[in-house]
Amino acid sequence: MVRSLTHIINDSDKLFNHLGYDPNKDKFEFDSVVAKGTNDDIRNSIFEFILDNNINSNNLKEEIQKYWLPLDFKKEDIIQCGNILKVFKYLKSNNIKIAVCTSDDRETTEKTLKLLNLNDYIDDVMCGDDPISSKPSPEPIWKICSNLDINIENTLMIGDTISDIHGGINAKCGKVVGVLSGSYDNVDLTDADEIIDSIDDLPGIIELIK
């Protein structure tokens, strides 16, 4: 999406810097708005850039929306960071409920879960465009626990961004696990209770807790 905007925003390097994006590595900084924010936060950041740089904004918002995460993506377009299905099957075999708490929009999230055949394993989903504050606020995690009738101290939060980690800490989850497969640059997950390389390592953490 960011690269797609370069034909309407001439100073691409300045835009990349504003969003914390390194085009050579094709990665965003770990503390960038893209890593921490909702889609609305990212869009608002781009609009702020447009206003601050006096760019002609006629129809520019419409252009940005046009290039924003088109919903015609297919399963082969999704890059999985581990064997998610195998991990979910393990969790379910141990009677562990699974919820998704994401800053992404609901429509995109639900389509992704459907394409990956994960819907049967998911007990609840909270998204960035739901009418509730987003991570690192604890509210969406608390809402999930309320929906599923689970005590917060019996939950494990796993995520690959600073918002995930701090959301879990703020909610006072029983355990907060950082995962290093999020493809962000200069990752710092040191506030997590545990750090793992991949989602595939999660069963090992669960076995230690049991």
N, C-alpha and C. Protein backbone atom coordinates (compact mmCIF):
# COMPACT_ATOMS: atom_id res chain seq x y z
N MET A 1 0.82 -1.19 0.00
CA MET A 1 0.00 0.00 0.00
C MET A 1 0.86 1.25 0.00
N VAL A 2 1.91 1.29 0.84
CA VAL A 2 2.77 2.47 0.93
C VAL A 2 3.45 2.74 -0.40
N ARG A 3 3.96 1.70 -1.05
CA ARG A 3 4.60 1.87 -2.34
C ARG A 3 3.60 2.37 -3.38
N SER A 4 2.34 1.95 -3.28
CA SER A 4 1.32 2.34 -4.24
C SER A 4 1.05 3.84 -4.20
N LEU A 5 1.32 4.47 -3.06
CA LEU A 5 1.03 5.89 -2.91
C LEU A 5 2.09 6.79 -3.51
N THR A 6 3.23 6.22 -3.88
CA THR A 6 4.33 7.05 -4.33
C THR A 6 4.04 7.77 -5.65
N HIS A 7 3.07 7.30 -6.43
CA HIS A 7 2.77 7.97 -7.69
C HIS A 7 1.89 9.20 -7.48
N ILE A 8 1.30 9.34 -6.26
CA ILE A 8 0.50 10.53 -5.98
C ILE A 8 1.14 11.41 -4.90
N ILE A 9 2.08 10.85 -4.15
CA ILE A 9 2.86 11.64 -3.19
C ILE A 9 4.30 11.60 -3.67
N ASN A 10 4.78 12.70 -4.22
CA ASN A 10 6.04 12.70 -4.97
C ASN A 10 7.27 12.38 -4.12
N ASP A 11 7.32 12.93 -2.91
CA ASP A 11 8.50 12.73 -2.06
C ASP A 11 8.35 11.43 -1.29
N SER A 12 8.62 10.31 -1.97
CA SER A 12 8.39 9.00 -1.36
C SER A 12 9.30 8.77 -0.16
N ASP A 13 10.55 9.25 -0.22
CA ASP A 13 11.47 9.04 0.91
C ASP A 13 10.95 9.70 2.17
N LYS A 14 10.37 10.87 2.01
CA LYS A 14 9.84 11.60 3.16
C LYS A 14 8.62 10.87 3.73
N LEU A 15 7.78 10.35 2.85
CA LEU A 15 6.62 9.57 3.30
C LEU A 15 7.07 8.30 4.00
N PHE A 16 8.04 7.60 3.42
CA PHE A 16 8.55 6.38 4.04
C PHE A 16 9.09 6.67 5.44
N ASN A 17 9.85 7.75 5.57
CA ASN A 17 10.41 8.12 6.86
C ASN A 17 9.31 8.43 7.86
N HIS A 18 8.27 9.13 7.41
CA HIS A 18 7.14 9.48 8.28
C HIS A 18 6.46 8.23 8.82
N LEU A 19 6.35 7.19 8.00
CA LEU A 19 5.68 5.95 8.41
C LEU A 19 6.63 4.92 9.01
N GLY A 20 7.93 5.26 9.09
CA GLY A 20 8.89 4.32 9.66
C GLY A 20 9.15 3.12 8.78
N TYR A 21 9.16 3.35 7.48
CA TYR A 21 9.31 2.25 6.52
C TYR A 21 10.67 2.32 5.84
N ASP A 22 11.38 1.19 5.76
CA ASP A 22 12.65 1.09 5.06
C ASP A 22 12.42 0.32 3.77
N PRO A 23 12.40 1.00 2.60
CA PRO A 23 12.09 0.31 1.34
C PRO A 23 13.16 -0.71 0.95
N ASN A 24 14.38 -0.54 1.43
CA ASN A 24 15.45 -1.49 1.09
C ASN A 24 15.25 -2.83 1.80
N LYS A 25 14.79 -2.76 3.04
CA LYS A 25 14.52 -3.98 3.81
C LYS A 25 13.08 -4.44 3.64
N ASP A 26 12.22 -3.54 3.11
CA ASP A 26 10.79 -3.79 3.01
C ASP A 26 10.22 -4.14 4.38
N LYS A 27 10.60 -3.34 5.38
CA LYS A 27 10.14 -3.53 6.76
C LYS A 27 9.80 -2.19 7.40
N PHE A 28 8.87 -2.25 8.36
CA PHE A 28 8.52 -1.09 9.16
C PHE A 28 9.25 -1.16 10.50
N GLU A 29 9.59 0.00 11.05
CA GLU A 29 10.18 0.04 12.37
C GLU A 29 9.20 -0.53 13.40
N PHE A 30 9.74 -1.14 14.42
CA PHE A 30 8.94 -1.79 15.44
C PHE A 30 8.01 -0.82 16.17
N ASP A 31 8.45 0.46 16.31
CA ASP A 31 7.64 1.45 17.02
C ASP A 31 6.89 2.38 16.07
N SER A 32 6.76 2.01 14.79
CA SER A 32 6.06 2.84 13.82
C SER A 32 4.56 2.76 14.02
N VAL A 33 3.84 3.71 13.42
CA VAL A 33 2.38 3.70 13.52
C VAL A 33 1.80 2.45 12.86
N VAL A 34 2.49 1.92 11.86
CA VAL A 34 2.00 0.72 11.18
C VAL A 34 2.09 -0.49 12.11
N ALA A 35 3.14 -0.56 12.91
CA ALA A 35 3.30 -1.68 13.84
C ALA A 35 2.39 -1.56 15.05
N LYS A 36 2.13 -0.32 15.48
CA LYS A 36 1.40 -0.12 16.74
C LYS A 36 -0.07 0.24 16.56
N GLY A 37 -0.42 0.84 15.42
CA GLY A 37 -1.75 1.43 15.30
C GLY A 37 -2.76 0.60 14.55
N THR A 38 -3.99 1.08 14.60
CA THR A 38 -5.07 0.50 13.81
C THR A 38 -4.97 1.04 12.38
N ASN A 39 -5.79 0.50 11.49
CA ASN A 39 -5.80 1.01 10.12
C ASN A 39 -6.21 2.48 10.09
N ASP A 40 -7.14 2.87 10.96
CA ASP A 40 -7.53 4.28 11.03
C ASP A 40 -6.36 5.15 11.48
N ASP A 41 -5.55 4.65 12.43
CA ASP A 41 -4.37 5.39 12.88
C ASP A 41 -3.40 5.61 11.72
N ILE A 42 -3.21 4.58 10.91
CA ILE A 42 -2.29 4.67 9.78
C ILE A 42 -2.81 5.64 8.73
N ARG A 43 -4.09 5.53 8.40
CA ARG A 43 -4.69 6.44 7.43
C ARG A 43 -4.60 7.89 7.92
N ASN A 44 -4.90 8.10 9.21
CA ASN A 44 -4.82 9.45 9.76
C ASN A 44 -3.40 9.99 9.74
N SER A 45 -2.43 9.11 9.94
CA SER A 45 -1.03 9.53 9.87
C SER A 45 -0.65 9.97 8.46
N ILE A 46 -1.17 9.27 7.46
CA ILE A 46 -0.91 9.65 6.06
C ILE A 46 -1.59 10.99 5.75
N PHE A 47 -2.83 11.16 6.22
CA PHE A 47 -3.53 12.43 6.01
C PHE A 47 -2.78 13.58 6.69
N GLU A 48 -2.23 13.32 7.88
CA GLU A 48 -1.45 14.32 8.61
C GLU A 48 -0.21 14.71 7.80
N PHE A 49 0.43 13.71 7.21
CA PHE A 49 1.60 13.97 6.36
C PHE A 49 1.22 14.87 5.19
N ILE A 50 0.07 14.57 4.59
CA ILE A 50 -0.41 15.35 3.45
C ILE A 50 -0.61 16.81 3.84
N LEU A 51 -1.26 17.04 4.99
CA LEU A 51 -1.53 18.40 5.45
C LEU A 51 -0.24 19.13 5.83
N ASP A 52 0.65 18.44 6.54
CA ASP A 52 1.89 19.07 7.00
C ASP A 52 2.80 19.46 5.84
N ASN A 53 2.67 18.74 4.72
CA ASN A 53 3.56 18.99 3.59
C ASN A 53 2.86 19.75 2.45
N ASN A 54 1.68 20.29 2.75
CA ASN A 54 0.95 21.13 1.79
C ASN A 54 0.78 20.45 0.43
N ILE A 55 0.49 19.15 0.47
CA ILE A 55 0.27 18.41 -0.77
C ILE A 55 -1.16 18.64 -1.24
N ASN A 56 -1.35 18.82 -2.53
CA ASN A 56 -2.70 19.00 -3.07
C ASN A 56 -3.54 17.79 -2.71
N SER A 57 -4.57 18.03 -1.89
CA SER A 57 -5.34 16.90 -1.36
C SER A 57 -6.63 16.64 -2.11
N ASN A 58 -6.83 17.27 -3.26
CA ASN A 58 -8.03 17.01 -4.04
C ASN A 58 -8.11 15.53 -4.42
N ASN A 59 -9.13 14.87 -3.92
CA ASN A 59 -9.37 13.44 -4.21
C ASN A 59 -8.28 12.52 -3.67
N LEU A 60 -7.35 13.06 -2.86
CA LEU A 60 -6.25 12.23 -2.37
C LEU A 60 -6.74 11.20 -1.35
N LYS A 61 -7.71 11.58 -0.53
CA LYS A 61 -8.25 10.62 0.43
C LYS A 61 -8.91 9.44 -0.29
N GLU A 62 -9.59 9.76 -1.39
CA GLU A 62 -10.21 8.70 -2.18
C GLU A 62 -9.16 7.79 -2.79
N GLU A 63 -8.04 8.38 -3.22
CA GLU A 63 -6.95 7.59 -3.80
C GLU A 63 -6.37 6.65 -2.75
N ILE A 64 -6.17 7.16 -1.54
CA ILE A 64 -5.61 6.33 -0.47
C ILE A 64 -6.54 5.17 -0.14
N GLN A 65 -7.85 5.45 -0.05
CA GLN A 65 -8.81 4.39 0.22
C GLN A 65 -8.80 3.33 -0.88
N LYS A 66 -8.61 3.77 -2.11
CA LYS A 66 -8.62 2.84 -3.25
C LYS A 66 -7.49 1.82 -3.16
N TYR A 67 -6.34 2.28 -2.63
CA TYR A 67 -5.18 1.38 -2.55
C TYR A 67 -5.08 0.68 -1.19
N TRP A 68 -6.08 0.88 -0.34
CA TRP A 68 -5.98 0.37 1.03
C TRP A 68 -6.44 -1.08 1.13
N LEU A 69 -5.49 -1.97 1.31
CA LEU A 69 -5.77 -3.38 1.58
C LEU A 69 -6.98 -3.92 0.82
N PRO A 70 -6.88 -4.04 -0.50
CA PRO A 70 -8.01 -4.56 -1.28
C PRO A 70 -8.40 -5.95 -0.81
N LEU A 71 -9.71 -6.22 -0.80
CA LEU A 71 -10.21 -7.47 -0.26
C LEU A 71 -10.27 -8.60 -1.27
N ASP A 72 -9.60 -8.41 -2.42
CA ASP A 72 -9.59 -9.46 -3.42
C ASP A 72 -8.37 -10.38 -3.27
N PHE A 73 -7.71 -10.33 -2.07
CA PHE A 73 -6.54 -11.19 -1.87
C PHE A 73 -6.98 -12.64 -1.72
N LYS A 74 -6.05 -13.54 -2.02
CA LYS A 74 -6.31 -14.98 -1.98
C LYS A 74 -5.41 -15.64 -0.94
N LYS A 75 -5.66 -16.91 -0.68
CA LYS A 75 -4.90 -17.62 0.34
C LYS A 75 -3.41 -17.60 0.03
N GLU A 76 -3.07 -17.73 -1.24
CA GLU A 76 -1.64 -17.76 -1.60
C GLU A 76 -0.97 -16.41 -1.39
N ASP A 77 -1.74 -15.35 -1.18
CA ASP A 77 -1.17 -14.03 -0.91
C ASP A 77 -0.80 -13.87 0.56
N ILE A 78 -1.26 -14.78 1.41
CA ILE A 78 -1.03 -14.69 2.86
C ILE A 78 0.25 -15.41 3.22
N ILE A 79 1.16 -14.72 3.88
CA ILE A 79 2.40 -15.31 4.35
C ILE A 79 2.23 -15.71 5.81
N GLN A 80 2.25 -17.01 6.08
CA GLN A 80 2.07 -17.49 7.45
C GLN A 80 3.41 -17.55 8.17
N CYS A 81 3.41 -17.12 9.42
CA CYS A 81 4.63 -17.12 10.24
C CYS A 81 4.63 -18.34 11.14
N GLY A 82 4.57 -19.51 10.56
CA GLY A 82 4.54 -20.74 11.33
C GLY A 82 3.34 -21.59 10.94
N ASN A 83 3.24 -22.77 11.55
CA ASN A 83 2.14 -23.69 11.26
C ASN A 83 0.99 -23.39 12.22
N ILE A 84 0.22 -22.36 11.89
CA ILE A 84 -0.83 -21.88 12.78
C ILE A 84 -1.88 -22.96 13.03
N LEU A 85 -2.28 -23.67 11.98
CA LEU A 85 -3.30 -24.69 12.13
C LEU A 85 -2.86 -25.77 13.11
N LYS A 86 -1.62 -26.20 13.02
CA LYS A 86 -1.10 -27.22 13.94
C LYS A 86 -1.12 -26.72 15.38
N VAL A 87 -0.72 -25.47 15.58
CA VAL A 87 -0.71 -24.90 16.93
C VAL A 87 -2.12 -24.79 17.48
N PHE A 88 -3.07 -24.35 16.65
CA PHE A 88 -4.45 -24.22 17.10
C PHE A 88 -5.05 -25.58 17.45
N LYS A 89 -4.72 -26.60 16.66
CA LYS A 89 -5.21 -27.95 16.96
C LYS A 89 -4.66 -28.42 18.30
N TYR A 90 -3.39 -28.10 18.57
CA TYR A 90 -2.79 -28.46 19.86
C TYR A 90 -3.54 -27.76 21.01
N LEU A 91 -3.81 -26.48 20.85
CA LEU A 91 -4.50 -25.73 21.90
C LEU A 91 -5.88 -26.31 22.17
N LYS A 92 -6.62 -26.61 21.10
CA LYS A 92 -7.96 -27.16 21.26
C LYS A 92 -7.93 -28.54 21.90
N SER A 93 -6.93 -29.32 21.58
CA SER A 93 -6.81 -30.67 22.17
C SER A 93 -6.55 -30.59 23.67
N ASN A 94 -6.09 -29.41 24.12
CA ASN A 94 -5.86 -29.19 25.54
C ASN A 94 -6.96 -28.32 26.18
N ASN A 95 -8.10 -28.22 25.47
CA ASN A 95 -9.26 -27.47 25.97
C ASN A 95 -8.94 -26.01 26.27
N ILE A 96 -8.08 -25.43 25.45
CA ILE A 96 -7.72 -24.01 25.60
C ILE A 96 -8.50 -23.19 24.58
N LYS A 97 -9.20 -22.18 25.05
CA LYS A 97 -9.96 -21.31 24.15
C LYS A 97 -9.00 -20.35 23.43
N ILE A 98 -9.37 -20.02 22.19
CA ILE A 98 -8.52 -19.18 21.34
C ILE A 98 -9.29 -17.94 20.92
N ALA A 99 -8.68 -16.79 21.10
CA ALA A 99 -9.29 -15.53 20.64
C ALA A 99 -8.25 -14.73 19.86
N VAL A 100 -8.74 -13.97 18.89
CA VAL A 100 -7.89 -13.08 18.10
C VAL A 100 -8.18 -11.65 18.54
N CYS A 101 -7.13 -10.93 18.92
CA CYS A 101 -7.24 -9.52 19.30
C CYS A 101 -6.29 -8.76 18.39
N THR A 102 -6.83 -8.11 17.37
CA THR A 102 -5.99 -7.50 16.34
C THR A 102 -6.33 -6.03 16.12
N SER A 103 -5.36 -5.28 15.63
CA SER A 103 -5.59 -3.88 15.26
C SER A 103 -6.08 -3.76 13.82
N ASP A 104 -6.12 -4.86 13.09
CA ASP A 104 -6.61 -4.83 11.71
C ASP A 104 -8.13 -4.71 11.69
N ASP A 105 -8.66 -4.27 10.55
CA ASP A 105 -10.11 -4.14 10.39
C ASP A 105 -10.78 -5.51 10.38
N ARG A 106 -12.04 -5.55 10.80
CA ARG A 106 -12.77 -6.81 10.93
C ARG A 106 -12.94 -7.52 9.59
N GLU A 107 -13.28 -6.79 8.54
CA GLU A 107 -13.55 -7.43 7.26
C GLU A 107 -12.33 -8.18 6.76
N THR A 108 -11.16 -7.54 6.85
CA THR A 108 -9.91 -8.19 6.42
C THR A 108 -9.57 -9.36 7.32
N THR A 109 -9.74 -9.19 8.63
CA THR A 109 -9.44 -10.24 9.59
C THR A 109 -10.30 -11.48 9.36
N GLU A 110 -11.60 -11.27 9.20
CA GLU A 110 -12.50 -12.41 9.01
C GLU A 110 -12.22 -13.14 7.70
N LYS A 111 -11.87 -12.40 6.67
CA LYS A 111 -11.56 -13.07 5.40
C LYS A 111 -10.28 -13.90 5.55
N THR A 112 -9.28 -13.35 6.25
CA THR A 112 -8.03 -14.08 6.45
C THR A 112 -8.25 -15.37 7.22
N LEU A 113 -9.02 -15.30 8.29
CA LEU A 113 -9.30 -16.50 9.10
C LEU A 113 -10.05 -17.55 8.28
N LYS A 114 -10.96 -17.10 7.43
CA LYS A 114 -11.72 -18.02 6.58
C LYS A 114 -10.80 -18.70 5.57
N LEU A 115 -9.94 -17.92 4.92
CA LEU A 115 -9.04 -18.48 3.91
C LEU A 115 -8.07 -19.49 4.52
N LEU A 116 -7.70 -19.27 5.78
CA LEU A 116 -6.75 -20.18 6.45
C LEU A 116 -7.45 -21.34 7.16
N ASN A 117 -8.78 -21.41 6.99
CA ASN A 117 -9.57 -22.50 7.60
C ASN A 117 -9.41 -22.55 9.12
N LEU A 118 -9.43 -21.38 9.76
CA LEU A 118 -9.22 -21.30 11.20
C LEU A 118 -10.49 -20.99 11.98
N ASN A 119 -11.58 -20.70 11.30
CA ASN A 119 -12.79 -20.25 11.99
C ASN A 119 -13.29 -21.24 13.04
N ASP A 120 -13.17 -22.53 12.77
CA ASP A 120 -13.69 -23.53 13.70
C ASP A 120 -12.89 -23.57 15.00
N TYR A 121 -11.72 -22.95 15.01
CA TYR A 121 -10.86 -22.98 16.19
C TYR A 121 -10.96 -21.70 17.02
N ILE A 122 -11.58 -20.66 16.46
CA ILE A 122 -11.61 -19.35 17.10
C ILE A 122 -12.87 -19.19 17.94
N ASP A 123 -12.69 -18.79 19.20
CA ASP A 123 -13.83 -18.60 20.11
C ASP A 123 -14.30 -17.15 20.16
N ASP A 124 -13.43 -16.21 19.83
CA ASP A 124 -13.83 -14.80 19.83
C ASP A 124 -12.82 -13.99 19.03
N VAL A 125 -13.29 -12.86 18.50
CA VAL A 125 -12.43 -11.97 17.69
C VAL A 125 -12.74 -10.53 18.05
N MET A 126 -11.69 -9.75 18.35
CA MET A 126 -11.83 -8.31 18.54
C MET A 126 -10.90 -7.62 17.55
N CYS A 127 -11.43 -6.59 16.85
CA CYS A 127 -10.69 -5.94 15.77
C CYS A 127 -10.51 -4.44 16.01
N GLY A 128 -9.62 -3.86 15.23
CA GLY A 128 -9.26 -2.47 15.41
C GLY A 128 -10.38 -1.50 15.10
N ASP A 129 -11.34 -1.89 14.27
CA ASP A 129 -12.44 -0.99 13.95
C ASP A 129 -13.72 -1.33 14.73
N ASP A 130 -13.61 -2.18 15.74
CA ASP A 130 -14.75 -2.43 16.63
C ASP A 130 -14.95 -1.21 17.54
N PRO A 131 -16.17 -1.00 18.05
CA PRO A 131 -16.44 0.17 18.88
C PRO A 131 -15.90 0.02 20.30
N ILE A 132 -14.59 -0.11 20.41
CA ILE A 132 -13.91 -0.26 21.70
C ILE A 132 -12.47 0.19 21.48
N SER A 133 -11.82 0.66 22.52
CA SER A 133 -10.44 1.11 22.37
C SER A 133 -9.54 -0.06 21.98
N SER A 134 -8.45 0.24 21.29
CA SER A 134 -7.55 -0.80 20.77
C SER A 134 -6.31 -0.94 21.63
N LYS A 135 -5.60 -2.03 21.44
CA LYS A 135 -4.33 -2.23 22.12
C LYS A 135 -3.42 -1.01 21.87
N PRO A 136 -2.65 -0.59 22.85
CA PRO A 136 -2.34 -1.28 24.12
C PRO A 136 -3.35 -1.10 25.25
N SER A 137 -4.50 -0.53 24.95
CA SER A 137 -5.57 -0.51 25.96
C SER A 137 -5.92 -1.96 26.34
N PRO A 138 -6.20 -2.20 27.60
CA PRO A 138 -6.59 -3.56 28.01
C PRO A 138 -8.02 -3.92 27.65
N GLU A 139 -8.81 -2.93 27.22
CA GLU A 139 -10.25 -3.16 27.02
C GLU A 139 -10.60 -4.32 26.10
N PRO A 140 -9.98 -4.43 24.90
CA PRO A 140 -10.40 -5.55 24.04
C PRO A 140 -10.08 -6.92 24.64
N ILE A 141 -8.99 -6.99 25.41
CA ILE A 141 -8.65 -8.26 26.06
C ILE A 141 -9.65 -8.56 27.17
N TRP A 142 -9.99 -7.54 27.93
CA TRP A 142 -11.00 -7.73 28.98
C TRP A 142 -12.35 -8.13 28.38
N LYS A 143 -12.69 -7.54 27.26
CA LYS A 143 -13.95 -7.86 26.59
C LYS A 143 -13.97 -9.32 26.16
N ILE A 144 -12.86 -9.79 25.60
CA ILE A 144 -12.76 -11.20 25.21
C ILE A 144 -12.96 -12.11 26.41
N CYS A 145 -12.29 -11.78 27.51
CA CYS A 145 -12.40 -12.61 28.72
C CYS A 145 -13.83 -12.62 29.24
N SER A 146 -14.50 -11.46 29.16
CA SER A 146 -15.89 -11.39 29.59
C SER A 146 -16.78 -12.25 28.69
N ASN A 147 -16.55 -12.14 27.38
CA ASN A 147 -17.36 -12.92 26.43
C ASN A 147 -17.20 -14.42 26.65
N LEU A 148 -15.98 -14.84 26.99
CA LEU A 148 -15.69 -16.26 27.11
C LEU A 148 -15.74 -16.77 28.55
N ASP A 149 -16.08 -15.86 29.48
CA ASP A 149 -16.19 -16.22 30.90
C ASP A 149 -14.88 -16.82 31.41
N ILE A 150 -13.80 -16.08 31.18
CA ILE A 150 -12.46 -16.52 31.58
C ILE A 150 -11.84 -15.46 32.49
N ASN A 151 -11.20 -15.89 33.56
CA ASN A 151 -10.47 -14.98 34.43
C ASN A 151 -9.20 -14.51 33.74
N ILE A 152 -8.91 -13.22 33.81
CA ILE A 152 -7.77 -12.66 33.11
C ILE A 152 -6.45 -13.31 33.53
N GLU A 153 -6.37 -13.73 34.80
CA GLU A 153 -5.12 -14.34 35.28
C GLU A 153 -4.89 -15.72 34.67
N ASN A 154 -5.92 -16.27 34.00
CA ASN A 154 -5.79 -17.57 33.35
C ASN A 154 -5.56 -17.45 31.85
N THR A 155 -5.20 -16.25 31.40
CA THR A 155 -4.99 -16.04 29.97
C THR A 155 -3.51 -15.90 29.62
N LEU A 156 -3.21 -16.23 28.38
CA LEU A 156 -1.88 -16.00 27.82
C LEU A 156 -2.04 -15.13 26.58
N MET A 157 -1.36 -14.00 26.55
CA MET A 157 -1.37 -13.10 25.40
C MET A 157 -0.09 -13.30 24.62
N ILE A 158 -0.21 -13.54 23.32
CA ILE A 158 0.98 -13.70 22.48
C ILE A 158 0.89 -12.71 21.32
N GLY A 159 1.97 -11.99 21.05
CA GLY A 159 1.95 -11.01 19.97
C GLY A 159 3.34 -10.62 19.51
N ASP A 160 3.38 -9.91 18.37
CA ASP A 160 4.67 -9.56 17.77
C ASP A 160 4.93 -8.06 17.72
N THR A 161 4.08 -7.24 18.38
CA THR A 161 4.30 -5.80 18.40
C THR A 161 4.30 -5.30 19.83
N ILE A 162 4.79 -4.08 20.00
CA ILE A 162 4.83 -3.47 21.32
C ILE A 162 3.42 -3.25 21.87
N SER A 163 2.45 -3.00 20.97
CA SER A 163 1.06 -2.84 21.41
C SER A 163 0.48 -4.14 21.95
N ASP A 164 0.85 -5.26 21.32
CA ASP A 164 0.42 -6.57 21.81
C ASP A 164 0.94 -6.81 23.22
N ILE A 165 2.23 -6.59 23.39
CA ILE A 165 2.88 -6.86 24.67
C ILE A 165 2.31 -5.97 25.76
N HIS A 166 2.23 -4.67 25.49
CA HIS A 166 1.73 -3.74 26.51
C HIS A 166 0.23 -3.91 26.74
N GLY A 167 -0.51 -4.33 25.70
CA GLY A 167 -1.92 -4.64 25.90
C GLY A 167 -2.08 -5.78 26.89
N GLY A 168 -1.27 -6.82 26.73
CA GLY A 168 -1.31 -7.95 27.66
C GLY A 168 -0.90 -7.58 29.07
N ILE A 169 0.12 -6.73 29.17
CA ILE A 169 0.58 -6.27 30.49
C ILE A 169 -0.48 -5.40 31.15
N ASN A 170 -1.03 -4.46 30.38
CA ASN A 170 -2.05 -3.56 30.93
C ASN A 170 -3.30 -4.30 31.38
N ALA A 171 -3.62 -5.38 30.66
CA ALA A 171 -4.80 -6.18 31.01
C ALA A 171 -4.52 -7.10 32.20
N LYS A 172 -3.22 -7.23 32.55
CA LYS A 172 -2.79 -8.12 33.63
C LYS A 172 -3.05 -9.59 33.29
N CYS A 173 -2.72 -9.96 32.03
CA CYS A 173 -2.81 -11.36 31.63
C CYS A 173 -1.87 -12.21 32.48
N GLY A 174 -2.22 -13.48 32.63
CA GLY A 174 -1.38 -14.37 33.42
C GLY A 174 0.02 -14.49 32.88
N LYS A 175 0.16 -14.46 31.55
CA LYS A 175 1.47 -14.54 30.92
C LYS A 175 1.42 -13.80 29.59
N VAL A 176 2.49 -13.08 29.29
CA VAL A 176 2.60 -12.33 28.04
C VAL A 176 3.82 -12.83 27.28
N VAL A 177 3.59 -13.30 26.05
CA VAL A 177 4.65 -13.91 25.25
C VAL A 177 4.86 -13.09 23.97
N GLY A 178 6.10 -12.72 23.72
CA GLY A 178 6.45 -12.04 22.48
C GLY A 178 6.95 -13.03 21.46
N VAL A 179 6.61 -12.83 20.20
CA VAL A 179 7.05 -13.72 19.12
C VAL A 179 7.80 -12.89 18.08
N LEU A 180 8.93 -13.39 17.62
CA LEU A 180 9.85 -12.61 16.79
C LEU A 180 9.61 -12.74 15.29
N SER A 181 8.49 -13.30 14.88
CA SER A 181 8.28 -13.57 13.46
C SER A 181 7.41 -12.51 12.78
N GLY A 182 7.30 -11.32 13.38
CA GLY A 182 6.41 -10.31 12.84
C GLY A 182 6.97 -9.47 11.71
N SER A 183 8.23 -9.67 11.35
CA SER A 183 8.85 -8.99 10.21
C SER A 183 8.97 -7.48 10.38
N TYR A 184 9.08 -7.02 11.64
CA TYR A 184 9.34 -5.61 11.90
C TYR A 184 10.83 -5.43 12.17
N ASP A 185 11.32 -4.20 11.98
CA ASP A 185 12.74 -3.93 12.15
C ASP A 185 13.04 -3.44 13.56
N ASN A 186 14.23 -3.79 14.07
CA ASN A 186 14.69 -3.35 15.40
C ASN A 186 13.68 -3.72 16.50
N VAL A 187 13.28 -4.97 16.48
CA VAL A 187 12.24 -5.44 17.41
C VAL A 187 12.74 -5.43 18.85
N ASP A 188 11.87 -4.95 19.76
CA ASP A 188 12.17 -4.95 21.19
C ASP A 188 10.94 -5.47 21.92
N LEU A 189 11.02 -6.71 22.37
CA LEU A 189 9.91 -7.33 23.09
C LEU A 189 10.27 -7.64 24.54
N THR A 190 11.26 -6.91 25.07
CA THR A 190 11.84 -7.28 26.36
C THR A 190 10.87 -7.17 27.53
N ASP A 191 9.76 -6.46 27.36
CA ASP A 191 8.79 -6.36 28.45
C ASP A 191 7.93 -7.61 28.58
N ALA A 192 8.00 -8.50 27.60
CA ALA A 192 7.22 -9.75 27.67
C ALA A 192 7.81 -10.70 28.71
N ASP A 193 6.97 -11.60 29.22
CA ASP A 193 7.46 -12.60 30.18
C ASP A 193 8.36 -13.62 29.50
N GLU A 194 8.02 -13.97 28.26
CA GLU A 194 8.79 -14.92 27.47
C GLU A 194 8.89 -14.41 26.04
N ILE A 195 9.97 -14.75 25.34
CA ILE A 195 10.11 -14.40 23.93
C ILE A 195 10.44 -15.68 23.16
N ILE A 196 9.68 -15.93 22.09
CA ILE A 196 9.92 -17.12 21.27
C ILE A 196 10.15 -16.69 19.82
N ASP A 197 10.80 -17.56 19.06
CA ASP A 197 11.13 -17.24 17.68
C ASP A 197 9.93 -17.34 16.76
N SER A 198 9.05 -18.27 17.04
CA SER A 198 7.93 -18.56 16.15
C SER A 198 6.73 -19.03 16.94
N ILE A 199 5.54 -18.89 16.36
CA ILE A 199 4.31 -19.41 16.97
C ILE A 199 4.41 -20.92 17.18
N ASP A 200 5.25 -21.58 16.39
CA ASP A 200 5.43 -23.02 16.52
C ASP A 200 6.01 -23.40 17.89
N ASP A 201 6.65 -22.43 18.57
CA ASP A 201 7.24 -22.70 19.88
C ASP A 201 6.24 -22.55 21.02
N LEU A 202 5.01 -22.13 20.72
CA LEU A 202 4.03 -21.88 21.78
C LEU A 202 3.68 -23.14 22.58
N PRO A 203 3.50 -24.31 21.95
CA PRO A 203 3.18 -25.51 22.75
C PRO A 203 4.19 -25.77 23.85
N GLY A 204 5.46 -25.47 23.60
CA GLY A 204 6.48 -25.67 24.63
C GLY A 204 6.24 -24.79 25.84
N ILE A 205 5.78 -23.55 25.59
CA ILE A 205 5.45 -22.64 26.69
C ILE A 205 4.25 -23.17 27.47
N ILE A 206 3.24 -23.65 26.74
CA ILE A 206 2.04 -24.18 27.39
C ILE A 206 2.38 -25.39 28.27
N GLU A 207 3.24 -26.27 27.78
CA GLU A 207 3.60 -27.47 28.54
C GLU A 207 4.27 -27.11 29.86
N LEU A 208 5.03 -26.01 29.88
CA LEU A 208 5.70 -25.57 31.11
C LEU A 208 4.71 -25.02 32.12
N ILE A 209 3.61 -24.46 31.61
CA ILE A 209 2.60 -23.86 32.50
C ILE A 209 1.69 -24.93 33.09
N LYS A 210 1.39 -25.98 32.32
CA LYS A 210 0.43 -27.01 32.75
C LYS A 210 0.84 -27.68 34.05
